[in-house]
Amino acid sequence: MATGLHELGHSAFGLADEYDYASTCNESGRDFHPAVEPAAANVTVNSSFSTLKWGHLVDASTPMPTSTRDDCSVCEGPGLSPTTPGTVGAYTGGNHYHCGVFRGEYDCKMRAHGEPFCAVCQERINAALFPFFP
């Protein structure tokens, strides 16, 4: 069920993967995301609070970017969040790249199938479904 909801995030709502690898963490060529803004609502190459796609969801006290990496040649392991769960910010890694791209929360269904959708993804899902509500 969790994988099905993750895949629905792609097909129905245009969400990108938020994990930082394409097939395995040991692959090469996934160090830096191209400097082109992704179309998906849940990943960005921008970490500026004032122009961030989901900046309206970020608390003013949250550091931007919210997480960084010293080594962009490796994947980030689970359980290393620098913030409490549910904190919206700009977390390094996503869209199949280790660095140069950001996601809205440390964990999300688009990163780890067992997690709930993050606030950024929930907002996109709600916007897509809203026209169909009575």
Protein backbone atom coordinates (compact mmCIF):
# COMPACT_ATOMS: atom_id res chain seq x y z
CA MET A 1 0.00 0.00 0.00
CA ALA A 2 2.78 2.47 0.91
CA THR A 3 4.54 1.96 -2.43
CA GLY A 4 1.23 2.42 -4.27
CA LEU A 5 0.64 5.77 -2.54
CA HIS A 6 4.20 6.82 -3.34
CA GLU A 7 3.68 5.98 -7.00
CA LEU A 8 0.33 7.79 -6.98
CA GLY A 9 2.28 10.83 -5.80
CA HIS A 10 4.19 10.68 -9.10
CA SER A 11 1.38 9.84 -11.48
CA ALA A 12 -1.54 11.83 -10.10
CA PHE A 13 0.18 14.79 -8.46
CA GLY A 14 3.49 15.23 -10.31
CA LEU A 15 5.65 14.77 -7.23
CA ALA A 16 9.33 13.91 -7.55
CA ASP A 17 11.26 11.27 -5.63
CA GLU A 18 12.89 12.82 -2.59
CA TYR A 19 15.58 10.19 -2.14
CA ASP A 20 19.09 11.02 -3.19
CA TYR A 21 19.95 8.09 -5.45
CA ALA A 22 18.62 6.62 -8.69
CA SER A 23 19.02 2.91 -7.97
CA THR A 24 21.63 2.42 -5.21
CA CYS A 25 23.73 4.65 -2.95
CA ASN A 26 26.92 3.26 -4.48
CA GLU A 27 26.32 4.70 -7.96
CA SER A 28 28.44 7.50 -9.37
CA GLY A 29 27.30 10.65 -11.15
CA ARG A 30 24.58 11.59 -8.62
CA ASP A 31 26.66 14.12 -6.66
CA PHE A 32 25.16 17.44 -7.85
CA HIS A 33 21.75 18.17 -9.34
CA PRO A 34 21.83 20.22 -12.56
CA ALA A 35 21.20 23.93 -11.89
CA VAL A 36 17.79 23.73 -13.58
CA GLU A 37 14.64 24.19 -11.49
CA PRO A 38 12.63 20.93 -11.36
CA ALA A 39 8.97 21.21 -12.35
CA ALA A 40 7.80 19.09 -9.39
CA ALA A 41 6.33 21.02 -6.44
CA ASN A 42 8.34 19.12 -3.81
CA VAL A 43 11.95 19.62 -4.96
CA THR A 44 13.92 22.74 -5.86
CA VAL A 45 17.44 24.00 -6.56
CA ASN A 46 16.57 27.18 -4.60
CA SER A 47 17.17 27.45 -0.86
CA SER A 48 16.36 31.16 -0.42
CA PHE A 49 13.56 31.68 2.10
CA SER A 50 12.02 34.57 0.14
CA THR A 51 11.71 32.68 -3.17
CA LEU A 52 11.39 29.06 -2.03
CA LYS A 53 8.44 27.25 -3.68
CA TRP A 54 7.06 26.34 -0.27
CA GLY A 55 8.50 29.30 1.65
CA HIS A 56 5.06 30.16 3.07
CA LEU A 57 5.21 26.84 4.99
CA VAL A 58 8.62 27.54 6.57
CA ASP A 59 8.90 29.07 10.03
CA ALA A 60 11.08 32.20 10.02
CA SER A 61 13.38 30.63 12.65
CA THR A 62 14.22 27.62 10.45
CA PRO A 63 17.75 27.85 8.99
CA MET A 64 18.00 27.99 5.20
CA PRO A 65 19.18 25.67 3.87
CA THR A 66 17.99 23.49 6.72
CA SER A 67 20.54 20.75 6.09
CA THR A 68 23.81 20.61 4.19
CA ARG A 69 26.39 17.94 3.43
CA ASP A 70 30.14 17.87 3.69
CA ASP A 71 30.43 14.95 1.27
CA CYS A 72 28.23 15.08 -1.83
CA SER A 73 29.60 11.78 -3.15
CA VAL A 74 27.48 9.67 -0.78
CA CYS A 75 23.84 9.17 0.15
CA GLU A 76 22.51 10.45 3.44
CA GLY A 77 21.55 7.71 5.86
CA PRO A 78 18.20 7.48 7.63
CA GLY A 79 17.59 9.01 11.03
CA LEU A 80 19.98 11.93 10.67
CA SER A 81 17.44 14.76 10.69
CA PRO A 82 18.80 18.03 12.07
CA THR A 83 15.27 19.09 13.10
CA THR A 84 12.19 17.67 14.77
CA PRO A 85 9.79 15.70 12.53
CA GLY A 86 7.37 17.91 10.62
CA THR A 87 9.73 20.89 10.35
CA VAL A 88 9.43 22.38 6.86
CA GLY A 89 12.62 23.82 5.40
CA ALA A 90 15.11 23.10 2.63
CA TYR A 91 16.81 19.73 3.20
CA THR A 92 19.72 18.76 0.98
CA GLY A 93 19.21 15.85 -1.40
CA GLY A 94 16.39 14.58 -3.55
CA ASN A 95 15.27 14.04 -7.13
CA HIS A 96 17.94 11.29 -7.31
CA TYR A 97 20.87 13.61 -6.37
CA HIS A 98 22.96 13.97 -3.21
CA CYS A 99 23.45 17.77 -3.34
CA GLY A 100 22.37 20.86 -5.25
CA VAL A 101 18.67 20.14 -4.74
CA PHE A 102 16.37 20.49 -1.73
CA ARG A 103 13.20 18.85 -0.39
CA GLY A 104 10.65 20.32 2.02
CA GLU A 105 10.95 18.00 5.02
CA TYR A 106 13.57 15.55 6.17
CA ASP A 107 11.21 12.58 5.71
CA CYS A 108 8.19 12.15 3.46
CA LYS A 109 6.42 9.35 1.62
CA MET A 110 8.23 10.52 -1.51
CA ARG A 111 11.54 9.71 0.26
CA ALA A 112 10.67 6.79 2.54
CA HIS A 113 7.54 4.83 1.62
CA GLY A 114 6.62 4.14 5.26
CA GLU A 115 6.39 7.84 6.13
CA PRO A 116 3.34 10.09 5.67
CA PHE A 117 3.33 12.73 2.95
CA CYS A 118 5.12 15.89 4.12
CA ALA A 119 3.37 19.28 4.32
CA VAL A 120 4.74 20.32 0.91
CA CYS A 121 3.38 17.20 -0.80
CA GLN A 122 0.10 17.41 1.12
CA GLU A 123 -0.35 20.96 -0.14
CA ARG A 124 0.21 19.85 -3.75
CA ILE A 125 -2.19 16.92 -3.36
CA ASN A 126 -4.86 19.16 -1.83
CA ALA A 127 -4.47 21.75 -4.61
CA ALA A 128 -4.91 19.05 -7.26
CA LEU A 129 -7.97 17.56 -5.57
CA PHE A 130 -9.67 20.79 -4.47
CA PRO A 131 -11.53 21.40 -7.76
CA PHE A 132 -13.27 18.05 -7.29
CA PHE A 133 -14.58 18.75 -3.79
CA PRO A 134 -18.20 19.93 -3.49
